[in-house]
Amino acid sequence: MNDQAQASTANPARSALGGLATGMPPHLWFCVSAIFHYLGPAFAVLLFPHVGVLGMAWLRIATAALIFAPLTRPWRTFANAAPRARLLLMAFGACLAVMNCSFYQALDRLPISLVAAIEFVGTIGIALAGLRSARNLAALAVAVAGTLLLIDVKWSSDPVGLFWAFLNGALFVGYIVLGHRVARAGAGDGIAGLGAAMAVAFLVVLPIGLTDALPAFFSPPLLVAAIGVGICSSVIPYVCDQLAMARLPRASFALMLSLLPVTATLIGVVVLRQVPTPADCLGIALVVAGVAFHKPGSAGS
């Protein structure tokens, strides 16, 4: 029996995830991730007054780490990994920790639309780096045009908020690059790597947000709400990202991230009753057209 078969036998959850990854289109996994990408933060902002910004980040990462631990057994992943792979997992985990904290710090000071716009800027560079044809360049131009219509890109008078937003955007690029390197080992191994990285992220934030998070442990409704945010923000989307990254080229994945403003607009309609303007509808149409028009390369791109 080879190593991969042994790993599947030893960890049925990993085998099941691998089967799901190959049995469903990667674009479907991405769409699920795109929906939850803003559902979690929308609910997290409501909890900031109760547990603080860093406390919410701590609860989000702690929830994900505790859920992943029995499913992926991060201690075994680290024990069996080569030295370079361990460094990759540690870098991925540190990136997740600081990215989540900076994202929430930015949301506490700036509108979510501005934070999303800055976050999307970095993904444009990844998409450009992987372009191989005039068709994909045109697709990217159409998607960016639609995004600019959807998002009111403007400078803020809060330099601290901008610092956190740009830091989050830079780390989001790191998340894509490192996440693809983890996912290239295969969908199952990618999920195991994500679990190990989330354990590292928890260790990084452990001394940072624990004090702020303590009130949640004395309020069951608040704790349940925080756990729900953690599942929506760091479990569902990150797992779906890994399942999509395993089969989508990096440039294609980065281009599809332009769908995030679309999901943000739709969530605004359903959750916040924010009806889009005609310009918003045109932006949605352009983004969808750009993503549909681009031609993916090989998964290793």
Protein backbone atom coordinates (compact mmCIF):
# COMPACT_ATOMS: atom_id res chain seq x y z
CA MET A 1 0.00 0.00 0.00
CA ASN A 2 1.47 3.40 -0.97
CA ASP A 3 1.75 6.41 1.34
CA GLN A 4 -1.27 8.18 -0.14
CA ALA A 5 -3.49 5.12 0.31
CA GLN A 6 -2.26 4.70 3.87
CA ALA A 7 -3.04 8.35 4.62
CA SER A 8 -6.55 7.95 3.23
CA THR A 9 -7.14 4.82 5.29
CA ALA A 10 -5.80 6.47 8.45
CA ASN A 11 -7.86 9.60 7.96
CA PRO A 12 -11.31 9.00 6.39
CA ALA A 13 -12.14 12.72 6.60
CA ARG A 14 -9.18 13.54 4.39
CA SER A 15 -10.19 10.85 1.90
CA ALA A 16 -13.76 12.14 1.82
CA LEU A 17 -12.59 15.68 1.17
CA GLY A 18 -10.35 14.44 -1.61
CA GLY A 19 -13.30 12.66 -3.20
CA LEU A 20 -15.45 15.76 -2.98
CA ALA A 21 -12.70 17.87 -4.52
CA THR A 22 -12.42 15.69 -7.60
CA GLY A 23 -16.15 15.05 -7.91
CA MET A 24 -17.35 18.67 -8.01
CA PRO A 25 -16.24 21.56 -10.26
CA PRO A 26 -13.62 23.84 -8.65
CA HIS A 27 -15.67 26.89 -9.64
CA LEU A 28 -18.50 25.64 -7.41
CA TRP A 29 -16.15 25.46 -4.43
CA PHE A 30 -15.02 29.00 -5.14
CA CYS A 31 -18.62 30.28 -5.30
CA VAL A 32 -19.35 28.79 -1.86
CA SER A 33 -16.21 30.47 -0.53
CA ALA A 34 -17.19 33.78 -2.11
CA ILE A 35 -20.57 33.75 -0.35
CA PHE A 36 -19.12 33.11 3.10
CA HIS A 37 -16.20 35.49 2.55
CA TYR A 38 -18.45 38.42 3.52
CA LEU A 39 -21.12 36.69 5.59
CA GLY A 40 -18.62 36.06 8.37
CA PRO A 41 -17.21 39.61 8.53
CA ALA A 42 -20.73 41.10 8.37
CA PHE A 43 -21.66 39.25 11.56
CA ALA A 44 -18.24 39.81 13.13
CA VAL A 45 -18.61 43.60 13.00
CA LEU A 46 -21.76 43.26 15.13
CA LEU A 47 -19.71 41.51 17.82
CA PHE A 48 -16.86 44.07 17.98
CA PRO A 49 -18.54 46.09 20.80
CA HIS A 50 -18.77 42.95 22.95
CA VAL A 51 -15.41 41.19 22.47
CA GLY A 52 -13.26 43.80 20.75
CA VAL A 53 -11.58 43.60 17.36
CA LEU A 54 -8.66 41.39 18.37
CA GLY A 55 -10.92 39.33 20.63
CA MET A 56 -13.14 38.54 17.65
CA ALA A 57 -10.07 37.62 15.59
CA TRP A 58 -8.93 35.32 18.42
CA LEU A 59 -12.34 33.62 18.65
CA ARG A 60 -12.50 33.21 14.86
CA ILE A 61 -9.10 31.53 14.61
CA ALA A 62 -9.57 29.49 17.80
CA THR A 63 -12.86 28.11 16.48
CA ALA A 64 -11.28 27.08 13.18
CA ALA A 65 -8.22 25.55 14.87
CA LEU A 66 -10.36 23.47 17.25
CA ILE A 67 -12.58 22.23 14.40
CA PHE A 68 -9.65 21.34 12.14
CA ALA A 69 -7.57 19.64 14.86
CA PRO A 70 -9.47 16.32 15.17
CA LEU A 71 -10.15 16.18 11.43
CA THR A 72 -6.66 16.91 10.10
CA ARG A 73 -4.40 16.00 13.06
CA PRO A 74 -1.94 18.87 12.60
CA TRP A 75 0.62 17.29 14.94
CA ARG A 76 0.96 14.36 12.53
CA THR A 77 1.17 16.70 9.54
CA PHE A 78 4.11 18.52 11.13
CA ALA A 79 5.75 15.29 12.24
CA ASN A 80 5.61 13.78 8.74
CA ALA A 81 6.47 16.95 6.83
CA ALA A 82 9.89 17.70 5.38
CA PRO A 83 11.75 20.69 6.86
CA ARG A 84 10.87 22.96 3.91
CA ALA A 85 7.22 21.92 4.13
CA ARG A 86 7.17 22.78 7.83
CA LEU A 87 8.50 26.24 7.07
CA LEU A 88 5.79 26.66 4.42
CA LEU A 89 3.07 25.65 6.88
CA MET A 90 4.45 28.01 9.53
CA ALA A 91 4.56 30.89 7.03
CA PHE A 92 1.00 30.09 5.91
CA GLY A 93 -0.22 30.01 9.51
CA ALA A 94 1.48 33.30 10.42
CA CYS A 95 -0.02 34.87 7.29
CA LEU A 96 -3.52 33.69 8.27
CA ALA A 97 -3.16 35.06 11.79
CA VAL A 98 -1.92 38.53 10.88
CA MET A 99 -4.26 38.78 7.87
CA ASN A 100 -7.34 38.09 9.99
CA CYS A 101 -6.29 40.59 12.65
CA SER A 102 -5.47 43.33 10.13
CA PHE A 103 -8.73 42.67 8.24
CA TYR A 104 -10.80 43.20 11.38
CA GLN A 105 -8.74 46.24 12.39
CA ALA A 106 -9.47 47.76 8.98
CA LEU A 107 -13.19 46.91 9.18
CA ASP A 108 -13.35 48.64 12.55
CA ARG A 109 -12.19 51.92 10.97
CA LEU A 110 -13.17 51.87 7.30
CA PRO A 111 -16.23 50.93 5.21
CA ILE A 112 -16.18 47.32 4.08
CA SER A 113 -16.39 48.48 0.46
CA LEU A 114 -13.08 50.37 0.75
CA VAL A 115 -11.39 47.44 2.51
CA ALA A 116 -12.63 45.10 -0.21
CA ALA A 117 -11.38 47.43 -2.94
CA ILE A 118 -7.88 47.52 -1.45
CA GLU A 119 -7.96 43.76 -0.94
CA PHE A 120 -8.81 43.24 -4.62
CA VAL A 121 -5.91 45.41 -5.85
CA GLY A 122 -3.34 42.76 -4.90
CA THR A 123 -5.20 39.98 -6.67
CA ILE A 124 -5.02 41.96 -9.91
CA GLY A 125 -1.23 41.63 -9.83
CA ILE A 126 -1.48 37.85 -9.45
CA ALA A 127 -3.93 37.62 -12.33
CA LEU A 128 -1.67 39.78 -14.52
CA ALA A 129 1.36 37.64 -13.68
CA GLY A 130 -0.44 34.53 -14.91
CA LEU A 131 -1.97 35.93 -18.08
CA ARG A 132 -1.01 34.10 -21.26
CA SER A 133 -3.28 35.63 -23.90
CA ALA A 134 -4.98 38.80 -25.08
CA ARG A 135 -8.30 37.15 -24.29
CA ASN A 136 -7.43 36.83 -20.60
CA LEU A 137 -6.11 40.40 -20.49
CA ALA A 138 -9.42 41.62 -21.92
CA ALA A 139 -11.32 39.46 -19.42
CA LEU A 140 -9.35 40.97 -16.55
CA ALA A 141 -10.00 44.51 -17.85
CA VAL A 142 -13.74 43.84 -17.99
CA ALA A 143 -13.78 42.33 -14.47
CA VAL A 144 -11.80 45.26 -13.03
CA ALA A 145 -14.12 47.76 -14.72
CA GLY A 146 -17.10 46.03 -13.15
CA THR A 147 -15.43 46.01 -9.74
CA LEU A 148 -14.69 49.74 -9.91
CA LEU A 149 -18.37 50.36 -10.63
CA LEU A 150 -19.38 48.23 -7.65
CA ILE A 151 -16.94 49.74 -5.18
CA ASP A 152 -16.64 53.40 -4.35
CA VAL A 153 -12.84 53.61 -4.33
CA LYS A 154 -11.81 56.71 -2.39
CA TRP A 155 -9.10 57.77 -0.01
CA SER A 156 -9.93 57.85 3.66
CA SER A 157 -8.98 60.40 6.26
CA ASP A 158 -7.97 57.55 8.58
CA PRO A 159 -4.29 56.68 7.87
CA VAL A 160 -4.28 53.96 10.53
CA GLY A 161 -7.27 52.29 8.93
CA LEU A 162 -5.60 52.52 5.53
CA PHE A 163 -2.45 50.93 6.96
CA TRP A 164 -4.42 47.93 8.21
CA ALA A 165 -6.36 47.69 4.94
CA PHE A 166 -3.22 47.70 2.79
CA LEU A 167 -1.53 45.23 5.14
CA ASN A 168 -4.55 42.95 4.81
CA GLY A 169 -4.42 43.30 1.02
CA ALA A 170 -0.73 42.37 0.93
CA LEU A 171 -1.29 39.39 3.21
CA PHE A 172 -4.26 38.30 1.09
CA VAL A 173 -1.83 37.98 -1.82
CA GLY A 174 0.41 35.91 0.46
CA TYR A 175 -2.59 33.78 1.39
CA ILE A 176 -3.24 33.01 -2.30
CA VAL A 177 0.41 32.26 -3.11
CA LEU A 178 1.09 30.15 -0.02
CA GLY A 179 -2.33 28.51 -0.21
CA HIS A 180 -1.65 27.37 -3.75
CA ARG A 181 1.68 25.88 -2.73
CA VAL A 182 -0.04 23.95 0.06
CA ALA A 183 -2.88 22.84 -2.22
CA ARG A 184 -0.54 21.58 -4.97
CA ALA A 185 0.25 18.54 -2.84
CA GLY A 186 -3.31 17.38 -3.59
CA ALA A 187 -6.74 18.30 -2.26
CA GLY A 188 -6.55 16.01 0.78
CA ASP A 189 -3.00 17.05 1.67
CA GLY A 190 -4.02 20.67 1.12
CA ILE A 191 -6.77 20.39 3.74
CA ALA A 192 -4.35 18.74 6.15
CA GLY A 193 -1.89 21.56 5.51
CA LEU A 194 -4.63 24.09 6.16
CA GLY A 195 -5.37 22.44 9.52
CA ALA A 196 -1.70 22.57 10.47
CA ALA A 197 -1.42 26.20 9.38
CA MET A 198 -4.52 27.11 11.40
CA ALA A 199 -2.91 25.57 14.49
CA VAL A 200 0.09 27.83 13.90
CA ALA A 201 -2.24 30.82 13.46
CA PHE A 202 -3.87 30.03 16.80
CA LEU A 203 -0.50 29.98 18.54
CA VAL A 204 0.34 33.35 16.98
CA VAL A 205 -2.87 35.07 18.17
CA LEU A 206 -3.07 33.25 21.52
CA PRO A 207 -1.38 36.02 23.54
CA ILE A 208 -2.84 38.85 21.44
CA GLY A 209 -6.62 38.60 21.70
CA LEU A 210 -7.28 36.25 24.62
CA THR A 211 -8.01 39.03 27.13
CA ASP A 212 -10.53 40.71 24.84
CA ALA A 213 -12.18 37.37 24.03
CA LEU A 214 -12.78 36.40 27.68
CA PRO A 215 -16.28 37.99 27.95
CA ALA A 216 -17.56 35.48 25.38
CA PHE A 217 -16.82 32.59 27.76
CA PHE A 218 -19.24 34.06 30.32
CA SER A 219 -22.08 34.62 27.83
CA PRO A 220 -23.31 31.48 26.03
CA PRO A 221 -25.24 33.40 23.33
CA LEU A 222 -22.18 35.53 22.61
CA LEU A 223 -19.93 32.46 22.50
CA VAL A 224 -22.30 30.65 20.11
CA ALA A 225 -22.39 33.72 17.87
CA ALA A 226 -18.60 33.96 17.87
CA ILE A 227 -18.27 30.27 17.01
CA GLY A 228 -20.71 30.77 14.15
CA VAL A 229 -18.60 33.65 12.84
CA GLY A 230 -15.50 31.47 13.06
CA ILE A 231 -17.14 28.68 11.07
CA CYS A 232 -18.47 31.09 8.43
CA SER A 233 -15.21 33.03 8.18
CA SER A 234 -12.33 30.59 8.60
CA VAL A 235 -13.66 27.05 8.14
CA ILE A 236 -16.08 27.02 5.22
CA PRO A 237 -14.34 29.55 2.94
CA TYR A 238 -10.78 28.35 3.63
CA VAL A 239 -11.67 24.71 2.99
CA CYS A 240 -13.50 25.65 -0.21
CA ASP A 241 -10.53 27.79 -1.27
CA GLN A 242 -8.20 24.82 -0.86
CA LEU A 243 -10.51 22.56 -2.85
CA ALA A 244 -10.67 25.18 -5.62
CA MET A 245 -6.95 26.03 -5.54
CA ALA A 246 -6.04 22.38 -6.00
CA ARG A 247 -7.57 22.41 -9.49
CA LEU A 248 -7.56 26.06 -10.62
CA PRO A 249 -4.49 27.93 -11.90
CA ARG A 250 -3.34 30.70 -9.57
CA ALA A 251 -4.13 33.41 -12.16
CA SER A 252 -7.63 32.04 -12.75
CA PHE A 253 -8.30 31.87 -9.01
CA ALA A 254 -7.11 35.48 -8.61
CA LEU A 255 -9.34 36.63 -11.45
CA MET A 256 -12.35 34.86 -9.98
CA LEU A 257 -11.80 36.81 -6.77
CA SER A 258 -13.35 39.72 -8.65
CA LEU A 259 -16.64 37.94 -7.90
CA LEU A 260 -16.29 38.95 -4.24
CA PRO A 261 -17.81 42.42 -4.77
CA VAL A 262 -20.73 40.68 -6.48
CA THR A 263 -21.37 38.45 -3.49
CA ALA A 264 -20.93 41.43 -1.18
CA THR A 265 -23.65 43.28 -3.10
CA LEU A 266 -26.01 40.30 -3.02
CA ILE A 267 -25.43 39.77 0.70
CA GLY A 268 -26.17 43.46 1.20
CA VAL A 269 -29.56 42.95 -0.49
CA VAL A 270 -30.49 39.83 1.46
CA VAL A 271 -29.04 40.60 4.89
CA LEU A 272 -28.89 44.40 5.04
CA ARG A 273 -31.74 45.24 2.64
CA GLN A 274 -29.40 47.41 0.57
CA VAL A 275 -30.90 47.49 -2.94
CA PRO A 276 -28.24 47.90 -5.66
CA THR A 277 -28.34 50.88 -8.04
CA PRO A 278 -28.38 50.48 -11.84
CA ALA A 279 -24.62 51.13 -11.80
CA ASP A 280 -24.22 48.27 -9.30
CA CYS A 281 -26.18 45.94 -11.58
CA LEU A 282 -24.00 46.93 -14.53
CA GLY A 283 -20.90 46.27 -12.42
CA ILE A 284 -22.16 42.81 -11.49
CA ALA A 285 -22.82 42.01 -15.14
CA LEU A 286 -19.30 43.13 -16.17
CA VAL A 287 -17.61 41.10 -13.44
CA VAL A 288 -19.55 37.96 -14.31
CA ALA A 289 -18.80 38.51 -18.01
CA GLY A 290 -15.08 38.93 -17.31
CA VAL A 291 -14.87 35.75 -15.25
CA ALA A 292 -16.89 33.80 -17.82
CA PHE A 293 -14.81 35.10 -20.75
CA HIS A 294 -11.36 34.27 -19.39
CA LYS A 295 -9.72 31.00 -20.40
CA PRO A 296 -8.06 29.04 -17.55
CA GLY A 297 -4.63 27.56 -17.99
CA SER A 298 -3.30 24.41 -16.40
CA ALA A 299 -3.70 23.88 -12.67
CA GLY A 300 -0.03 24.32 -12.13
CA SER A 301 0.11 27.86 -13.49
